[in-house]
Amino acid sequence: MAPRTATSHRGFVPWQGLLLTVSLLTFWSPLHNAQMTIKSVPFDAVEGADVLLLVHNLPENIIGYRWYKREKVDSNSHIAAYLVSTNVTRPGPAYSHRETIYPNGSLLIQKVTQQDTGFYTLQAIKSTLQNEEASGQFHVHQLVSPPSISASNMTVAENGSVVLTCLSDDTGISFKWIFENRSLQPSERMNLSQDGSILTIDPVKREDVGEYQCEASNPVSSSRSDPLRLAMICPACSMTSESTGNLCQPPAPIFATVSQARSTSLIPRKPFLSMRNY
């Protein structure tokens, strides 16, 4: 299996970069009469990363904020409240000591887990005691584990068929097939299952001989399987093995009787003994 250290991953944003974004937007003047919105940075995050719920078009005359871990305001899902005049944060029932509210209303969540996936709602409280609400969401994904390949047959006859299956215990992933380090495109002879995990080649041709890999991926990471080598049985191996890089396998000889084997000179005949020699 490919080592986990070779797994590529995206969606990891260091908290220092998120803090810089918050600092810049704190001094940004919002457009008047524009609706308040929430943007997640990043939208798809790898487990253990930090996520910033960034507030855009914040209304004027704000005296405080309340954040909720739901798409609507609910006291049980209240994360924390922030008072602008004193810069004091008061935790709520859903506070996990990983959340930070900034003066511009943005919410930073550190070391996110898959349980943090979902909607979050900001309630901005104005000096007129009128509230304005906006919601945003993000998804948290695990790093993809290396998949493996199973084959119905690793050595096939020309014009035969073979089924390759990409195996993975991960969920929410997509599959891609690689042949000789190049992305494999479906054709009349090569069909993929609906989810892409099963590759069927029918009929198999000599150009199909070689190494196959499958790649499993989600929005934040991807991982490839170890190569699987597909070989072919050829009737005239002496002629075809050179052109296919010795991947063409000769069929094993099978003889029905000893006399048939002797007729091919593979079993030496015993010398004929005559009485004249005595």
C-alpha atoms as a PDB file:
ATOM      1  CA  MET A   1       0.000   0.000   0.000  1.00  0.00           C
ATOM      2  CA  ALA A   2       1.138   3.562  -0.627  1.00  0.00           C
ATOM      3  CA  PRO A   3       2.304   5.260   2.605  1.00  0.00           C
ATOM      4  CA  ARG A   4      -0.084   7.709   4.221  1.00  0.00           C
ATOM      5  CA  THR A   5       2.686  10.338   4.053  1.00  0.00           C
ATOM      6  CA  ALA A   6       2.361  10.277   0.262  1.00  0.00           C
ATOM      7  CA  THR A   7      -1.307  11.227   0.453  1.00  0.00           C
ATOM      8  CA  SER A   8      -2.037  14.620  -1.029  1.00  0.00           C
ATOM      9  CA  HIS A   9      -4.473  16.824   0.847  1.00  0.00           C
ATOM     10  CA  ARG A  10      -6.077  20.199   0.454  1.00  0.00           C
ATOM     11  CA  GLY A  11      -8.293  22.379   2.626  1.00  0.00           C
ATOM     12  CA  PHE A  12      -5.762  22.979   5.438  1.00  0.00           C
ATOM     13  CA  VAL A  13      -5.642  26.699   6.270  1.00  0.00           C
ATOM     14  CA  PRO A  14      -3.286  27.761   9.127  1.00  0.00           C
ATOM     15  CA  TRP A  15      -4.947  29.934  11.762  1.00  0.00           C
ATOM     16  CA  GLN A  16      -2.323  32.683  11.252  1.00  0.00           C
ATOM     17  CA  GLY A  17      -3.595  33.213   7.706  1.00  0.00           C
ATOM     18  CA  LEU A  18      -7.183  33.284   8.902  1.00  0.00           C
ATOM     19  CA  LEU A  19      -6.263  35.860  11.545  1.00  0.00           C
ATOM     20  CA  LEU A  20      -4.703  38.095   8.877  1.00  0.00           C
ATOM     21  CA  THR A  21      -7.896  37.878   6.836  1.00  0.00           C
ATOM     22  CA  VAL A  22      -9.947  38.922   9.861  1.00  0.00           C
ATOM     23  CA  SER A  23      -7.605  41.838  10.600  1.00  0.00           C
ATOM     24  CA  LEU A  24      -7.856  43.202   7.064  1.00  0.00           C
ATOM     25  CA  LEU A  25     -11.640  42.916   6.957  1.00  0.00           C
ATOM     26  CA  THR A  26     -12.007  44.602  10.350  1.00  0.00           C
ATOM     27  CA  PHE A  27     -11.009  47.885   8.696  1.00  0.00           C
ATOM     28  CA  TRP A  28     -13.057  47.269   5.554  1.00  0.00           C
ATOM     29  CA  SER A  29     -16.137  49.461   5.169  1.00  0.00           C
ATOM     30  CA  PRO A  30     -19.180  47.353   4.192  1.00  0.00           C
ATOM     31  CA  LEU A  31     -21.587  48.343   1.460  1.00  0.00           C
ATOM     32  CA  HIS A  32     -24.747  49.954   2.762  1.00  0.00           C
ATOM     33  CA  ASN A  33     -28.060  48.205   2.199  1.00  0.00           C
ATOM     34  CA  ALA A  34     -26.257  44.963   1.289  1.00  0.00           C
ATOM     35  CA  GLN A  35     -27.433  41.761   2.940  1.00  0.00           C
ATOM     36  CA  MET A  36     -25.159  40.259   5.586  1.00  0.00           C
ATOM     37  CA  THR A  37     -23.626  36.944   4.454  1.00  0.00           C
ATOM     38  CA  ILE A  38     -21.316  34.263   5.893  1.00  0.00           C
ATOM     39  CA  LYS A  39     -18.467  32.691   3.900  1.00  0.00           C
ATOM     40  CA  SER A  40     -16.558  29.633   5.154  1.00  0.00           C
ATOM     41  CA  VAL A  41     -12.775  29.610   4.672  1.00  0.00           C
ATOM     42  CA  PRO A  42     -12.288  26.888   3.616  1.00  0.00           C
ATOM     43  CA  PHE A  43     -15.665  25.379   2.697  1.00  0.00           C
ATOM     44  CA  ASP A  44     -14.171  21.853   2.611  1.00  0.00           C
ATOM     45  CA  ALA A  45     -11.703  21.328   5.447  1.00  0.00           C
ATOM     46  CA  VAL A  46      -9.492  18.432   6.428  1.00  0.00           C
ATOM     47  CA  GLU A  47     -10.009  17.097   9.941  1.00  0.00           C
ATOM     48  CA  GLY A  48      -7.743  18.929  12.399  1.00  0.00           C
ATOM     49  CA  ALA A  49      -7.580  22.171  10.402  1.00  0.00           C
ATOM     50  CA  ASP A  50      -9.008  25.585  11.345  1.00  0.00           C
ATOM     51  CA  VAL A  51     -12.133  27.095   9.747  1.00  0.00           C
ATOM     52  CA  LEU A  52     -13.094  30.772   9.655  1.00  0.00           C
ATOM     53  CA  LEU A  53     -16.734  31.789   9.252  1.00  0.00           C
ATOM     54  CA  LEU A  54     -16.176  35.174   7.662  1.00  0.00           C
ATOM     55  CA  VAL A  55     -18.849  37.894   7.886  1.00  0.00           C
ATOM     56  CA  HIS A  56     -19.534  40.115   4.846  1.00  0.00           C
ATOM     57  CA  ASN A  57     -21.698  43.246   4.662  1.00  0.00           C
ATOM     58  CA  LEU A  58     -21.954  43.686   8.413  1.00  0.00           C
ATOM     59  CA  PRO A  59     -24.714  46.203   9.294  1.00  0.00           C
ATOM     60  CA  GLU A  60     -23.927  49.446  11.109  1.00  0.00           C
ATOM     61  CA  ASN A  61     -24.440  50.267  14.790  1.00  0.00           C
ATOM     62  CA  ILE A  62     -23.679  46.744  16.008  1.00  0.00           C
ATOM     63  CA  ILE A  63     -23.432  46.310  19.774  1.00  0.00           C
ATOM     64  CA  GLY A  64     -22.988  42.543  19.929  1.00  0.00           C
ATOM     65  CA  TYR A  65     -23.080  39.112  18.281  1.00  0.00           C
ATOM     66  CA  ARG A  66     -24.439  35.663  19.027  1.00  0.00           C
ATOM     67  CA  TRP A  67     -23.292  32.515  17.203  1.00  0.00           C
ATOM     68  CA  TYR A  68     -25.332  29.293  16.967  1.00  0.00           C
ATOM     69  CA  LYS A  69     -24.392  25.830  15.707  1.00  0.00           C
ATOM     70  CA  ARG A  70     -27.534  25.421  13.630  1.00  0.00           C
ATOM     71  CA  GLU A  71     -29.244  26.998  10.644  1.00  0.00           C
ATOM     72  CA  LYS A  72     -31.614  28.807  12.977  1.00  0.00           C
ATOM     73  CA  VAL A  73     -31.472  30.485  16.381  1.00  0.00           C
ATOM     74  CA  ASP A  74     -31.812  27.935  19.188  1.00  0.00           C
ATOM     75  CA  SER A  75     -30.767  28.411  22.799  1.00  0.00           C
ATOM     76  CA  ASN A  76     -29.441  24.843  23.055  1.00  0.00           C
ATOM     77  CA  SER A  77     -27.109  25.403  20.088  1.00  0.00           C
ATOM     78  CA  HIS A  78     -25.820  28.770  21.345  1.00  0.00           C
ATOM     79  CA  ILE A  79     -22.011  28.805  21.002  1.00  0.00           C
ATOM     80  CA  ALA A  80     -21.115  32.203  22.445  1.00  0.00           C
ATOM     81  CA  ALA A  81     -22.082  35.895  22.674  1.00  0.00           C
ATOM     82  CA  TYR A  82     -19.737  38.820  22.097  1.00  0.00           C
ATOM     83  CA  LEU A  83     -20.178  42.380  23.441  1.00  0.00           C
ATOM     84  CA  VAL A  84     -18.452  44.943  21.217  1.00  0.00           C
ATOM     85  CA  SER A  85     -18.051  47.698  23.848  1.00  0.00           C
ATOM     86  CA  THR A  86     -16.090  45.485  26.261  1.00  0.00           C
ATOM     87  CA  ASN A  87     -14.634  42.841  23.884  1.00  0.00           C
ATOM     88  CA  VAL A  88     -15.993  40.202  26.253  1.00  0.00           C
ATOM     89  CA  THR A  89     -17.091  36.761  25.050  1.00  0.00           C
ATOM     90  CA  ARG A  90     -19.631  34.781  27.041  1.00  0.00           C
ATOM     91  CA  PRO A  91     -19.814  31.053  26.238  1.00  0.00           C
ATOM     92  CA  GLY A  92     -23.069  29.215  25.630  1.00  0.00           C
ATOM     93  CA  PRO A  93     -24.134  25.548  25.904  1.00  0.00           C
ATOM     94  CA  ALA A  94     -22.509  24.601  22.568  1.00  0.00           C
ATOM     95  CA  TYR A  95     -19.144  26.240  23.359  1.00  0.00           C
ATOM     96  CA  SER A  96     -16.206  23.808  23.034  1.00  0.00           C
ATOM     97  CA  HIS A  97     -13.225  26.094  23.935  1.00  0.00           C
ATOM     98  CA  ARG A  98     -12.139  26.032  20.284  1.00  0.00           C
ATOM     99  CA  GLU A  99     -14.210  29.028  19.133  1.00  0.00           C
ATOM    100  CA  THR A 100     -13.105  32.665  18.932  1.00  0.00           C
ATOM    101  CA  ILE A 101     -15.376  35.596  17.985  1.00  0.00           C
ATOM    102  CA  TYR A 102     -13.643  38.651  16.461  1.00  0.00           C
ATOM    103  CA  PRO A 103     -14.749  42.308  16.638  1.00  0.00           C
ATOM    104  CA  ASN A 104     -16.094  42.140  13.065  1.00  0.00           C
ATOM    105  CA  GLY A 105     -18.344  39.184  14.019  1.00  0.00           C
ATOM    106  CA  SER A 106     -16.321  36.453  12.285  1.00  0.00           C
ATOM    107  CA  LEU A 107     -16.020  33.106  14.089  1.00  0.00           C
ATOM    108  CA  LEU A 108     -12.835  31.009  14.142  1.00  0.00           C
ATOM    109  CA  ILE A 109     -13.134  27.285  14.971  1.00  0.00           C
ATOM    110  CA  GLN A 110      -9.830  25.520  15.624  1.00  0.00           C
ATOM    111  CA  LYS A 111      -9.002  21.842  15.099  1.00  0.00           C
ATOM    112  CA  VAL A 112     -12.317  20.961  13.490  1.00  0.00           C
ATOM    113  CA  THR A 113     -13.719  17.437  13.581  1.00  0.00           C
ATOM    114  CA  GLN A 114     -16.328  15.737  11.422  1.00  0.00           C
ATOM    115  CA  GLN A 115     -18.905  16.519  14.135  1.00  0.00           C
ATOM    116  CA  ASP A 116     -18.379  20.227  13.352  1.00  0.00           C
ATOM    117  CA  THR A 117     -19.781  19.766   9.835  1.00  0.00           C
ATOM    118  CA  GLY A 118     -22.998  21.687   9.265  1.00  0.00           C
ATOM    119  CA  PHE A 119     -24.665  25.096   9.405  1.00  0.00           C
ATOM    120  CA  TYR A 120     -23.770  28.012  11.671  1.00  0.00           C
ATOM    121  CA  THR A 121     -25.891  31.119  12.267  1.00  0.00           C
ATOM    122  CA  LEU A 122     -24.782  34.610  13.297  1.00  0.00           C
ATOM    123  CA  GLN A 123     -27.192  36.935  15.041  1.00  0.00           C
ATOM    124  CA  ALA A 124     -25.978  40.551  14.810  1.00  0.00           C
ATOM    125  CA  ILE A 125     -27.542  42.794  17.478  1.00  0.00           C
ATOM    126  CA  LYS A 126     -27.985  46.471  16.565  1.00  0.00           C
ATOM    127  CA  SER A 127     -28.190  49.466  18.917  1.00  0.00           C
ATOM    128  CA  THR A 128     -31.865  49.664  17.976  1.00  0.00           C
ATOM    129  CA  LEU A 129     -32.175  46.167  19.480  1.00  0.00           C
ATOM    130  CA  GLN A 130     -33.160  44.860  16.063  1.00  0.00           C
ATOM    131  CA  ASN A 131     -31.400  41.660  15.073  1.00  0.00           C
ATOM    132  CA  GLU A 132     -30.070  40.617  11.687  1.00  0.00           C
ATOM    133  CA  GLU A 133     -29.247  36.972  10.955  1.00  0.00           C
ATOM    134  CA  ALA A 134     -27.156  35.082   8.386  1.00  0.00           C
ATOM    135  CA  SER A 135     -26.073  31.440   8.072  1.00  0.00           C
ATOM    136  CA  GLY A 136     -23.110  29.625   6.555  1.00  0.00           C
ATOM    137  CA  GLN A 137     -21.851  26.072   6.456  1.00  0.00           C
ATOM    138  CA  PHE A 138     -18.726  23.971   5.938  1.00  0.00           C
ATOM    139  CA  HIS A 139     -17.781  20.303   5.616  1.00  0.00           C
ATOM    140  CA  VAL A 140     -15.015  18.407   7.416  1.00  0.00           C
ATOM    141  CA  HIS A 141     -13.396  15.390   5.731  1.00  0.00           C
ATOM    142  CA  GLN A 142     -10.877  12.769   6.777  1.00  0.00           C
ATOM    143  CA  LEU A 143      -7.741  12.039   4.772  1.00  0.00           C
ATOM    144  CA  VAL A 144      -8.384   9.290   2.218  1.00  0.00           C
ATOM    145  CA  SER A 145      -6.776   5.915   2.988  1.00  0.00           C
ATOM    146  CA  PRO A 146      -4.885   4.097   0.189  1.00  0.00           C
ATOM    147  CA  PRO A 147      -7.291   1.812  -1.721  1.00  0.00           C
ATOM    148  CA  SER A 148      -6.492  -1.649  -3.130  1.00  0.00           C
ATOM    149  CA  ILE A 149      -7.386  -3.513  -6.344  1.00  0.00           C
ATOM    150  CA  SER A 150      -8.882  -6.981  -6.755  1.00  0.00           C
ATOM    151  CA  ALA A 151      -8.979  -8.690 -10.168  1.00  0.00           C
ATOM    152  CA  SER A 152     -11.162 -11.484 -11.506  1.00  0.00           C
ATOM    153  CA  ASN A 153      -8.034 -12.785 -13.257  1.00  0.00           C
ATOM    154  CA  MET A 154      -4.533 -11.326 -13.456  1.00  0.00           C
ATOM    155  CA  THR A 155      -3.622 -13.391 -16.550  1.00  0.00           C
ATOM    156  CA  VAL A 156      -6.195 -13.412 -19.336  1.00  0.00           C
ATOM    157  CA  ALA A 157      -6.434 -14.723 -22.890  1.00  0.00           C
ATOM    158  CA  GLU A 158      -6.675 -12.296 -25.768  1.00  0.00           C
ATOM    159  CA  ASN A 159     -10.339 -11.420 -26.490  1.00  0.00           C
ATOM    160  CA  GLY A 160     -11.237 -12.624 -23.001  1.00  0.00           C
ATOM    161  CA  SER A 161     -12.564 -10.360 -20.237  1.00  0.00           C
ATOM    162  CA  VAL A 162     -11.398  -9.096 -16.855  1.00  0.00           C
ATOM    163  CA  VAL A 163     -13.029  -7.168 -13.996  1.00  0.00           C
ATOM    164  CA  LEU A 164     -10.942  -4.870 -11.767  1.00  0.00           C
ATOM    165  CA  THR A 165     -12.447  -3.574  -8.512  1.00  0.00           C
ATOM    166  CA  CYS A 166     -11.163  -0.650  -6.438  1.00  0.00           C
ATOM    167  CA  LEU A 167     -11.628  -1.423  -2.719  1.00  0.00           C
ATOM    168  CA  SER A 168     -11.819   1.237   0.007  1.00  0.00           C
ATOM    169  CA  ASP A 169     -13.388   1.506   3.461  1.00  0.00           C
ATOM    170  CA  ASP A 170     -13.725   5.295   3.181  1.00  0.00           C
ATOM    171  CA  THR A 171     -17.066   6.991   2.514  1.00  0.00           C
ATOM    172  CA  GLY A 172     -17.945   9.997   0.389  1.00  0.00           C
ATOM    173  CA  ILE A 173     -15.156   9.334  -2.107  1.00  0.00           C
ATOM    174  CA  SER A 174     -14.864   9.199  -5.889  1.00  0.00           C
ATOM    175  CA  PHE A 175     -12.718   6.843  -8.001  1.00  0.00           C
ATOM    176  CA  LYS A 176     -10.365   7.248 -10.951  1.00  0.00           C
ATOM    177  CA  TRP A 177      -8.397   4.598 -12.880  1.00  0.00           C
ATOM    178  CA  ILE A 178      -4.802   4.935 -14.042  1.00  0.00           C
ATOM    179  CA  PHE A 179      -3.133   2.794 -16.727  1.00  0.00           C
ATOM    180  CA  GLU A 180       0.660   2.998 -17.124  1.00  0.00           C
ATOM    181  CA  ASN A 181       0.706   6.248 -15.066  1.00  0.00           C
ATOM    182  CA  ARG A 182      -1.892   7.908 -17.302  1.00  0.00           C
ATOM    183  CA  SER A 183      -5.548   8.598 -16.601  1.00  0.00           C
ATOM    184  CA  LEU A 184      -7.721   5.857 -18.125  1.00  0.00           C
ATOM    185  CA  GLN A 185     -10.667   6.963 -20.245  1.00  0.00           C
ATOM    186  CA  PRO A 186     -13.716   4.687 -20.744  1.00  0.00           C
ATOM    187  CA  SER A 187     -14.183   3.233 -24.231  1.00  0.00           C
ATOM    188  CA  GLU A 188     -16.337   0.645 -26.040  1.00  0.00           C
ATOM    189  CA  ARG A 189     -14.248  -2.111 -24.461  1.00  0.00           C
ATOM    190  CA  MET A 190     -13.693  -0.454 -21.078  1.00  0.00           C
ATOM    191  CA  ASN A 191     -16.764   0.212 -18.952  1.00  0.00           C
ATOM    192  CA  LEU A 192     -17.031   1.750 -15.472  1.00  0.00           C
ATOM    193  CA  SER A 193     -19.658   1.089 -12.832  1.00  0.00           C
ATOM    194  CA  GLN A 194     -21.897   3.969 -11.770  1.00  0.00           C
ATOM    195  CA  ASP A 195     -19.611   4.970  -8.893  1.00  0.00           C
ATOM    196  CA  GLY A 196     -16.448   4.295 -10.915  1.00  0.00           C
ATOM    197  CA  SER A 197     -15.084   1.652  -8.541  1.00  0.00           C
ATOM    198  CA  ILE A 198     -15.387  -1.290 -11.012  1.00  0.00           C
ATOM    199  CA  LEU A 199     -13.581  -1.411 -14.366  1.00  0.00           C
ATOM    200  CA  THR A 200     -14.616  -4.077 -16.875  1.00  0.00           C
ATOM    201  CA  ILE A 201     -12.494  -4.758 -19.983  1.00  0.00           C
ATOM    202  CA  ASP A 202     -14.222  -6.891 -22.621  1.00  0.00           C
ATOM    203  CA  PRO A 203     -12.673  -7.981 -24.883  1.00  0.00           C
ATOM    204  CA  VAL A 204      -9.090  -7.690 -23.653  1.00  0.00           C
ATOM    205  CA  LYS A 205      -6.526  -6.701 -26.287  1.00  0.00           C
ATOM    206  CA  ARG A 206      -2.741  -6.818 -26.252  1.00  0.00           C
ATOM    207  CA  GLU A 207      -2.536  -3.055 -25.717  1.00  0.00           C
ATOM    208  CA  ASP A 208      -4.393  -3.546 -22.412  1.00  0.00           C
ATOM    209  CA  VAL A 209      -1.457  -5.456 -20.921  1.00  0.00           C
ATOM    210  CA  GLY A 210       0.357  -3.424 -18.239  1.00  0.00           C
ATOM    211  CA  GLU A 211      -0.008  -1.815 -14.812  1.00  0.00           C
ATOM    212  CA  TYR A 212      -3.305  -0.538 -13.413  1.00  0.00           C
ATOM    213  CA  GLN A 213      -3.943   1.667 -10.381  1.00  0.00           C
ATOM    214  CA  CYS A 214      -7.066   3.190  -8.869  1.00  0.00           C
ATOM    215  CA  GLU A 215      -7.236   6.537  -7.086  1.00  0.00           C
ATOM    216  CA  ALA A 216      -9.727   7.389  -4.350  1.00  0.00           C
ATOM    217  CA  SER A 217     -10.361  11.047  -3.513  1.00  0.00           C
ATOM    218  CA  ASN A 218     -12.582  13.432  -1.576  1.00  0.00           C
ATOM    219  CA  PRO A 219     -12.626  17.259  -1.651  1.00  0.00           C
ATOM    220  CA  VAL A 220      -9.514  17.537   0.567  1.00  0.00           C
ATOM    221  CA  SER A 221      -7.289  14.553  -0.253  1.00  0.00           C
ATOM    222  CA  SER A 222      -6.536  11.676  -2.630  1.00  0.00           C
ATOM    223  CA  SER A 223      -4.598   8.404  -2.522  1.00  0.00           C
ATOM    224  CA  ARG A 224      -3.583   5.741  -5.071  1.00  0.00           C
ATOM    225  CA  SER A 225      -3.419   1.978  -4.785  1.00  0.00           C
ATOM    226  CA  ASP A 226      -0.367  -0.173  -5.405  1.00  0.00           C
ATOM    227  CA  PRO A 227       0.003  -1.140  -9.098  1.00  0.00           C
ATOM    228  CA  LEU A 228      -1.627  -4.334 -10.358  1.00  0.00           C
ATOM    229  CA  ARG A 229      -0.049  -5.901 -13.468  1.00  0.00           C
ATOM    230  CA  LEU A 230      -2.327  -7.493 -16.050  1.00  0.00           C
ATOM    231  CA  ALA A 231      -0.732 -10.175 -18.253  1.00  0.00           C
ATOM    232  CA  MET A 232      -1.992 -12.070 -21.303  1.00  0.00           C
ATOM    233  CA  ILE A 233      -1.810 -15.684 -22.453  1.00  0.00           C
ATOM    234  CA  CYS A 234      -0.731 -15.796 -26.084  1.00  0.00           C
ATOM    235  CA  PRO A 235      -0.899 -18.837 -28.402  1.00  0.00           C
ATOM    236  CA  ALA A 236       2.318 -17.809 -30.161  1.00  0.00           C
ATOM    237  CA  CYS A 237       4.276 -16.461 -27.245  1.00  0.00           C
ATOM    238  CA  SER A 238       7.630 -16.459 -29.067  1.00  0.00           C
ATOM    239  CA  MET A 239       6.213 -13.912 -31.505  1.00  0.00           C
ATOM    240  CA  THR A 240       4.261 -11.691 -29.138  1.00  0.00           C
ATOM    241  CA  SER A 241       6.218 -11.629 -25.874  1.00  0.00           C
ATOM    242  CA  GLU A 242       8.843  -9.250 -27.315  1.00  0.00           C
ATOM    243  CA  SER A 243       6.244  -6.736 -28.519  1.00  0.00           C
ATOM    244  CA  THR A 244       4.445  -6.633 -25.153  1.00  0.00           C
ATOM    245  CA  GLY A 245       7.469  -6.422 -22.883  1.00  0.00           C
ATOM    246  CA  ASN A 246       7.424 -10.098 -21.850  1.00  0.00           C
ATOM    247  CA  LEU A 247       3.957  -9.685 -20.350  1.00  0.00           C
ATOM    248  CA  CYS A 248       2.520 -12.295 -22.691  1.00  0.00           C
ATOM    249  CA  GLN A 249       2.486 -15.638 -20.918  1.00  0.00           C
ATOM    250  CA  PRO A 250       2.739 -18.965 -22.806  1.00  0.00           C
ATOM    251  CA  PRO A 251       0.053 -21.527 -22.046  1.00  0.00           C
ATOM    252  CA  ALA A 252       1.288 -24.486 -20.033  1.00  0.00           C
ATOM    253  CA  PRO A 253       1.600 -27.650 -22.193  1.00  0.00           C
ATOM    254  CA  ILE A 254      -0.956 -30.347 -21.361  1.00  0.00           C
ATOM    255  CA  PHE A 255      -0.651 -33.872 -22.782  1.00  0.00           C
ATOM    256  CA  ALA A 256      -3.480 -36.368 -22.739  1.00  0.00           C
ATOM    257  CA  THR A 257      -1.314 -39.512 -23.065  1.00  0.00           C
ATOM    258  CA  VAL A 258       2.314 -40.508 -22.863  1.00  0.00           C
ATOM    259  CA  SER A 259       2.299 -41.490 -26.543  1.00  0.00           C
ATOM    260  CA  GLN A 260       1.093 -37.977 -27.458  1.00  0.00           C
ATOM    261  CA  ALA A 261       3.906 -36.460 -25.425  1.00  0.00           C
ATOM    262  CA  ARG A 262       6.447 -38.739 -27.145  1.00  0.00           C
ATOM    263  CA  SER A 263       5.179 -37.643 -30.535  1.00  0.00           C
ATOM    264  CA  THR A 264       6.264 -34.072 -29.672  1.00  0.00           C
ATOM    265  CA  SER A 265       9.765 -35.322 -28.697  1.00  0.00           C
ATOM    266  CA  LEU A 266       9.371 -33.894 -25.186  1.00  0.00           C
ATOM    267  CA  ILE A 267       9.749 -37.394 -23.604  1.00  0.00           C
ATOM    268  CA  PRO A 268      12.777 -39.337 -24.897  1.00  0.00           C
ATOM    269  CA  ARG A 269      12.133 -42.750 -26.364  1.00  0.00           C
ATOM    270  CA  LYS A 270      13.877 -45.744 -24.800  1.00  0.00           C
ATOM    271  CA  PRO A 271      16.272 -47.543 -27.204  1.00  0.00           C
ATOM    272  CA  PHE A 272      14.724 -50.569 -28.952  1.00  0.00           C
ATOM    273  CA  LEU A 273      16.356 -53.731 -27.766  1.00  0.00           C
ATOM    274  CA  SER A 274      16.654 -56.576 -30.273  1.00  0.00           C
ATOM    275  CA  MET A 275      17.515 -60.191 -29.595  1.00  0.00           C
ATOM    276  CA  ARG A 276      20.194 -59.834 -32.206  1.00  0.00           C
ATOM    277  CA  ASN A 277      22.250 -57.844 -29.731  1.00  0.00           C
ATOM    278  CA  TYR A 278      22.608 -60.907 -27.516  1.00  0.00           C
END
